[in-house]
Amino acid sequence: MTDLQLYVYLVGFVFFFIGVYFHIQKKKKDISEKQKLFRHRVMYFFLILAIICVVYSWI
């Protein structure tokens, strides 16, 4: 594994934890539907980036 692949792998884990954070924030009871929708989209954005980073680091 090259240094670039290692850094991309680590960034993928950071994106994963950011996605999990937005998932937890999405579950709060006292937020509006607009906030839930925004957090849902951001959550999936970061989780997809995490998957892309981890898959790239394996290639």
PDB file of N, CA and C in Angstrom:
ATOM      1  N   MET A   1       0.856  -1.172   0.000  1.00  0.00           N
ATOM      2  CA  MET A   1       0.000   0.000   0.000  1.00  0.00           C
ATOM      3  C   MET A   1       0.903   1.236   0.000  1.00  0.00           C
ATOM      4  N   THR A   2       0.638   2.137  -0.934  1.00  0.00           N
ATOM      5  CA  THR A   2       1.424   3.365  -1.015  1.00  0.00           C
ATOM      6  C   THR A   2       0.937   4.358   0.028  1.00  0.00           C
ATOM      7  N   ASP A   3       1.691   5.428   0.171  1.00  0.00           N
ATOM      8  CA  ASP A   3       1.308   6.468   1.128  1.00  0.00           C
ATOM      9  C   ASP A   3      -0.020   7.112   0.736  1.00  0.00           C
ATOM     10  N   LEU A   4      -0.223   7.325  -0.564  1.00  0.00           N
ATOM     11  CA  LEU A   4      -1.477   7.913  -1.030  1.00  0.00           C
ATOM     12  C   LEU A   4      -2.660   7.022  -0.672  1.00  0.00           C
ATOM     13  N   GLN A   5      -2.528   5.732  -0.900  1.00  0.00           N
ATOM     14  CA  GLN A   5      -3.609   4.805  -0.573  1.00  0.00           C
ATOM     15  C   GLN A   5      -3.888   4.789   0.919  1.00  0.00           C
ATOM     16  N   LEU A   6      -2.857   4.876   1.731  1.00  0.00           N
ATOM     17  CA  LEU A   6      -3.044   4.907   3.179  1.00  0.00           C
ATOM     18  C   LEU A   6      -3.805   6.151   3.606  1.00  0.00           C
ATOM     19  N   TYR A   7      -3.436   7.304   3.052  1.00  0.00           N
ATOM     20  CA  TYR A   7      -4.122   8.545   3.401  1.00  0.00           C
ATOM     21  C   TYR A   7      -5.574   8.528   2.936  1.00  0.00           C
ATOM     22  N   VAL A   8      -5.812   7.996   1.760  1.00  0.00           N
ATOM     23  CA  VAL A   8      -7.187   7.895   1.255  1.00  0.00           C
ATOM     24  C   VAL A   8      -7.992   6.952   2.133  1.00  0.00           C
ATOM     25  N   TYR A   9      -7.381   5.873   2.582  1.00  0.00           N
ATOM     26  CA  TYR A   9      -8.037   4.921   3.483  1.00  0.00           C
ATOM     27  C   TYR A   9      -8.416   5.596   4.799  1.00  0.00           C
ATOM     28  N   LEU A  10      -7.508   6.369   5.365  1.00  0.00           N
ATOM     29  CA  LEU A  10      -7.779   7.073   6.622  1.00  0.00           C
ATOM     30  C   LEU A  10      -8.847   8.150   6.450  1.00  0.00           C
ATOM     31  N   VAL A  11      -8.802   8.852   5.330  1.00  0.00           N
ATOM     32  CA  VAL A  11      -9.830   9.862   5.048  1.00  0.00           C
ATOM     33  C   VAL A  11     -11.192   9.185   4.896  1.00  0.00           C
ATOM     34  N   GLY A  12     -11.214   7.998   4.334  1.00  0.00           N
ATOM     35  CA  GLY A  12     -12.461   7.245   4.220  1.00  0.00           C
ATOM     36  C   GLY A  12     -13.055   6.948   5.589  1.00  0.00           C
ATOM     37  N   PHE A  13     -12.215   6.604   6.555  1.00  0.00           N
ATOM     38  CA  PHE A  13     -12.718   6.369   7.901  1.00  0.00           C
ATOM     39  C   PHE A  13     -13.242   7.651   8.538  1.00  0.00           C
ATOM     40  N   VAL A  14     -12.577   8.759   8.286  1.00  0.00           N
ATOM     41  CA  VAL A  14     -13.068  10.043   8.806  1.00  0.00           C
ATOM     42  C   VAL A  14     -14.432  10.355   8.206  1.00  0.00           C
ATOM     43  N   PHE A  15     -14.587  10.166   6.900  1.00  0.00           N
ATOM     44  CA  PHE A  15     -15.881  10.391   6.257  1.00  0.00           C
ATOM     45  C   PHE A  15     -16.951   9.472   6.832  1.00  0.00           C
ATOM     46  N   PHE A  16     -16.571   8.225   7.129  1.00  0.00           N
ATOM     47  CA  PHE A  16     -17.515   7.288   7.719  1.00  0.00           C
ATOM     48  C   PHE A  16     -18.026   7.794   9.069  1.00  0.00           C
ATOM     49  N   PHE A  17     -17.119   8.259   9.911  1.00  0.00           N
ATOM     50  CA  PHE A  17     -17.534   8.740  11.226  1.00  0.00           C
ATOM     51  C   PHE A  17     -18.348  10.028  11.135  1.00  0.00           C
ATOM     52  N   ILE A  18     -18.060  10.870  10.151  1.00  0.00           N
ATOM     53  CA  ILE A  18     -18.893  12.058   9.930  1.00  0.00           C
ATOM     54  C   ILE A  18     -20.295  11.635   9.503  1.00  0.00           C
ATOM     55  N   GLY A  19     -20.394  10.630   8.633  1.00  0.00           N
ATOM     56  CA  GLY A  19     -21.694  10.110   8.219  1.00  0.00           C
ATOM     57  C   GLY A  19     -22.475   9.522   9.381  1.00  0.00           C
ATOM     58  N   VAL A  20     -21.790   8.799  10.270  1.00  0.00           N
ATOM     59  CA  VAL A  20     -22.448   8.243  11.452  1.00  0.00           C
ATOM     60  C   VAL A  20     -22.928   9.363  12.369  1.00  0.00           C
ATOM     61  N   TYR A  21     -22.135  10.424  12.502  1.00  0.00           N
ATOM     62  CA  TYR A  21     -22.532  11.568  13.316  1.00  0.00           C
ATOM     63  C   TYR A  21     -23.837  12.177  12.782  1.00  0.00           C
ATOM     64  N   PHE A  22     -23.935  12.364  11.467  1.00  0.00           N
ATOM     65  CA  PHE A  22     -25.162  12.921  10.902  1.00  0.00           C
ATOM     66  C   PHE A  22     -26.327  11.945  11.033  1.00  0.00           C
ATOM     67  N   HIS A  23     -26.055  10.656  11.022  1.00  0.00           N
ATOM     68  CA  HIS A  23     -27.112   9.673  11.257  1.00  0.00           C
ATOM     69  C   HIS A  23     -27.671   9.824  12.672  1.00  0.00           C
ATOM     70  N   ILE A  24     -26.804  10.002  13.642  1.00  0.00           N
ATOM     71  CA  ILE A  24     -27.240  10.191  15.025  1.00  0.00           C
ATOM     72  C   ILE A  24     -28.015  11.506  15.153  1.00  0.00           C
ATOM     73  N   GLN A  25     -27.539  12.556  14.497  1.00  0.00           N
ATOM     74  CA  GLN A  25     -28.222  13.852  14.566  1.00  0.00           C
ATOM     75  C   GLN A  25     -29.589  13.797  13.889  1.00  0.00           C
ATOM     76  N   LYS A  26     -29.711  12.945  12.891  1.00  0.00           N
ATOM     77  CA  LYS A  26     -30.985  12.809  12.170  1.00  0.00           C
ATOM     78  C   LYS A  26     -32.066  12.193  13.055  1.00  0.00           C
ATOM     79  N   LYS A  27     -31.675  11.403  14.033  1.00  0.00           N
ATOM     80  CA  LYS A  27     -32.625  10.686  14.886  1.00  0.00           C
ATOM     81  C   LYS A  27     -33.206  11.543  16.001  1.00  0.00           C
ATOM     82  N   LYS A  28     -32.752  12.782  16.158  1.00  0.00           N
ATOM     83  CA  LYS A  28     -33.269  13.642  17.218  1.00  0.00           C
ATOM     84  C   LYS A  28     -34.752  13.919  16.993  1.00  0.00           C
ATOM     85  N   LYS A  29     -35.480  14.027  18.073  1.00  0.00           N
ATOM     86  CA  LYS A  29     -36.940  14.206  17.994  1.00  0.00           C
ATOM     87  C   LYS A  29     -37.356  15.650  17.734  1.00  0.00           C
ATOM     88  N   ASP A  30     -36.557  16.623  18.174  1.00  0.00           N
ATOM     89  CA  ASP A  30     -36.991  18.020  18.144  1.00  0.00           C
ATOM     90  C   ASP A  30     -36.468  18.801  16.934  1.00  0.00           C
ATOM     91  N   ILE A  31     -36.325  18.154  15.786  1.00  0.00           N
ATOM     92  CA  ILE A  31     -35.892  18.856  14.586  1.00  0.00           C
ATOM     93  C   ILE A  31     -36.992  18.773  13.529  1.00  0.00           C
ATOM     94  N   SER A  32     -36.976  19.742  12.633  1.00  0.00           N
ATOM     95  CA  SER A  32     -38.014  19.808  11.610  1.00  0.00           C
ATOM     96  C   SER A  32     -37.730  18.787  10.500  1.00  0.00           C
ATOM     97  N   GLU A  33     -38.707  18.591   9.660  1.00  0.00           N
ATOM     98  CA  GLU A  33     -38.553  17.655   8.536  1.00  0.00           C
ATOM     99  C   GLU A  33     -37.496  18.154   7.551  1.00  0.00           C
ATOM    100  N   LYS A  34     -37.397  19.468   7.396  1.00  0.00           N
ATOM    101  CA  LYS A  34     -36.388  20.023   6.495  1.00  0.00           C
ATOM    102  C   LYS A  34     -34.989  19.719   7.012  1.00  0.00           C
ATOM    103  N   GLN A  35     -34.787  19.822   8.325  1.00  0.00           N
ATOM    104  CA  GLN A  35     -33.487  19.501   8.911  1.00  0.00           C
ATOM    105  C   GLN A  35     -33.195  18.005   8.797  1.00  0.00           C
ATOM    106  N   LYS A  36     -34.216  17.169   8.984  1.00  0.00           N
ATOM    107  CA  LYS A  36     -34.024  15.729   8.844  1.00  0.00           C
ATOM    108  C   LYS A  36     -33.611  15.377   7.417  1.00  0.00           C
ATOM    109  N   LEU A  37     -34.263  15.984   6.445  1.00  0.00           N
ATOM    110  CA  LEU A  37     -33.946  15.716   5.041  1.00  0.00           C
ATOM    111  C   LEU A  37     -32.517  16.152   4.713  1.00  0.00           C
ATOM    112  N   PHE A  38     -32.119  17.329   5.194  1.00  0.00           N
ATOM    113  CA  PHE A  38     -30.764  17.817   4.960  1.00  0.00           C
ATOM    114  C   PHE A  38     -29.737  16.872   5.584  1.00  0.00           C
ATOM    115  N   ARG A  39     -29.971  16.471   6.819  1.00  0.00           N
ATOM    116  CA  ARG A  39     -29.030  15.582   7.510  1.00  0.00           C
ATOM    117  C   ARG A  39     -28.989  14.206   6.857  1.00  0.00           C
ATOM    118  N   HIS A  40     -30.115  13.777   6.325  1.00  0.00           N
ATOM    119  CA  HIS A  40     -30.177  12.491   5.626  1.00  0.00           C
ATOM    120  C   HIS A  40     -29.307  12.538   4.371  1.00  0.00           C
ATOM    121  N   ARG A  41     -29.417  13.605   3.620  1.00  0.00           N
ATOM    122  CA  ARG A  41     -28.623  13.747   2.397  1.00  0.00           C
ATOM    123  C   ARG A  41     -27.136  13.866   2.699  1.00  0.00           C
ATOM    124  N   VAL A  42     -26.801  14.652   3.721  1.00  0.00           N
ATOM    125  CA  VAL A  42     -25.392  14.818   4.086  1.00  0.00           C
ATOM    126  C   VAL A  42     -24.816  13.492   4.590  1.00  0.00           C
ATOM    127  N   MET A  43     -25.626  12.744   5.349  1.00  0.00           N
ATOM    128  CA  MET A  43     -25.195  11.449   5.852  1.00  0.00           C
ATOM    129  C   MET A  43     -24.831  10.527   4.691  1.00  0.00           C
ATOM    130  N   TYR A  44     -25.717  10.405   3.713  1.00  0.00           N
ATOM    131  CA  TYR A  44     -25.443   9.535   2.580  1.00  0.00           C
ATOM    132  C   TYR A  44     -24.288  10.043   1.738  1.00  0.00           C
ATOM    133  N   PHE A  45     -24.126  11.344   1.619  1.00  0.00           N
ATOM    134  CA  PHE A  45     -23.006  11.908   0.876  1.00  0.00           C
ATOM    135  C   PHE A  45     -21.678  11.463   1.487  1.00  0.00           C
ATOM    136  N   PHE A  46     -21.552  11.604   2.814  1.00  0.00           N
ATOM    137  CA  PHE A  46     -20.310  11.220   3.464  1.00  0.00           C
ATOM    138  C   PHE A  46     -20.104   9.707   3.473  1.00  0.00           C
ATOM    139  N   LEU A  47     -21.179   8.938   3.602  1.00  0.00           N
ATOM    140  CA  LEU A  47     -21.023   7.490   3.583  1.00  0.00           C
ATOM    141  C   LEU A  47     -20.608   6.984   2.201  1.00  0.00           C
ATOM    142  N   ILE A  48     -21.133   7.599   1.154  1.00  0.00           N
ATOM    143  CA  ILE A  48     -20.726   7.219  -0.212  1.00  0.00           C
ATOM    144  C   ILE A  48     -19.265   7.603  -0.450  1.00  0.00           C
ATOM    145  N   LEU A  49     -18.866   8.788   0.030  1.00  0.00           N
ATOM    146  CA  LEU A  49     -17.460   9.174  -0.094  1.00  0.00           C
ATOM    147  C   LEU A  49     -16.557   8.209   0.663  1.00  0.00           C
ATOM    148  N   ALA A  50     -17.003   7.751   1.823  1.00  0.00           N
ATOM    149  CA  ALA A  50     -16.213   6.798   2.605  1.00  0.00           C
ATOM    150  C   ALA A  50     -16.037   5.494   1.843  1.00  0.00           C
ATOM    151  N   ILE A  51     -17.103   5.010   1.231  1.00  0.00           N
ATOM    152  CA  ILE A  51     -17.011   3.769   0.460  1.00  0.00           C
ATOM    153  C   ILE A  51     -16.069   3.943  -0.727  1.00  0.00           C
ATOM    154  N   ILE A  52     -16.177   5.050  -1.418  1.00  0.00           N
ATOM    155  CA  ILE A  52     -15.304   5.314  -2.560  1.00  0.00           C
ATOM    156  C   ILE A  52     -13.839   5.367  -2.126  1.00  0.00           C
ATOM    157  N   CYS A  53     -13.560   6.037  -1.014  1.00  0.00           N
ATOM    158  CA  CYS A  53     -12.183   6.139  -0.535  1.00  0.00           C
ATOM    159  C   CYS A  53     -11.611   4.780  -0.150  1.00  0.00           C
ATOM    160  N   VAL A  54     -12.394   3.993   0.556  1.00  0.00           N
ATOM    161  CA  VAL A  54     -11.911   2.687   0.995  1.00  0.00           C
ATOM    162  C   VAL A  54     -11.708   1.750  -0.208  1.00  0.00           C
ATOM    163  N   VAL A  55     -12.618   1.784  -1.151  1.00  0.00           N
ATOM    164  CA  VAL A  55     -12.465   0.938  -2.344  1.00  0.00           C
ATOM    165  C   VAL A  55     -11.251   1.393  -3.154  1.00  0.00           C
ATOM    166  N   TYR A  56     -11.049   2.692  -3.284  1.00  0.00           N
ATOM    167  CA  TYR A  56      -9.884   3.193  -4.024  1.00  0.00           C
ATOM    168  C   TYR A  56      -8.582   2.755  -3.357  1.00  0.00           C
ATOM    169  N   SER A  57      -8.574   2.729  -2.049  1.00  0.00           N
ATOM    170  CA  SER A  57      -7.335   2.366  -1.352  1.00  0.00           C
ATOM    171  C   SER A  57      -7.005   0.887  -1.539  1.00  0.00           C
ATOM    172  N   TRP A  58      -7.977   0.063  -1.879  1.00  0.00           N
ATOM    173  CA  TRP A  58      -7.723  -1.360  -2.113  1.00  0.00           C
ATOM    174  C   TRP A  58      -7.174  -1.643  -3.507  1.00  0.00           C
ATOM    175  N   ILE A  59      -7.414  -0.730  -4.433  1.00  0.00           N
ATOM    176  CA  ILE A  59      -6.995  -0.945  -5.829  1.00  0.00           C
ATOM    177  C   ILE A  59      -5.509  -0.763  -5.959  1.00  0.00           C
TER     178      ILE A  59
END
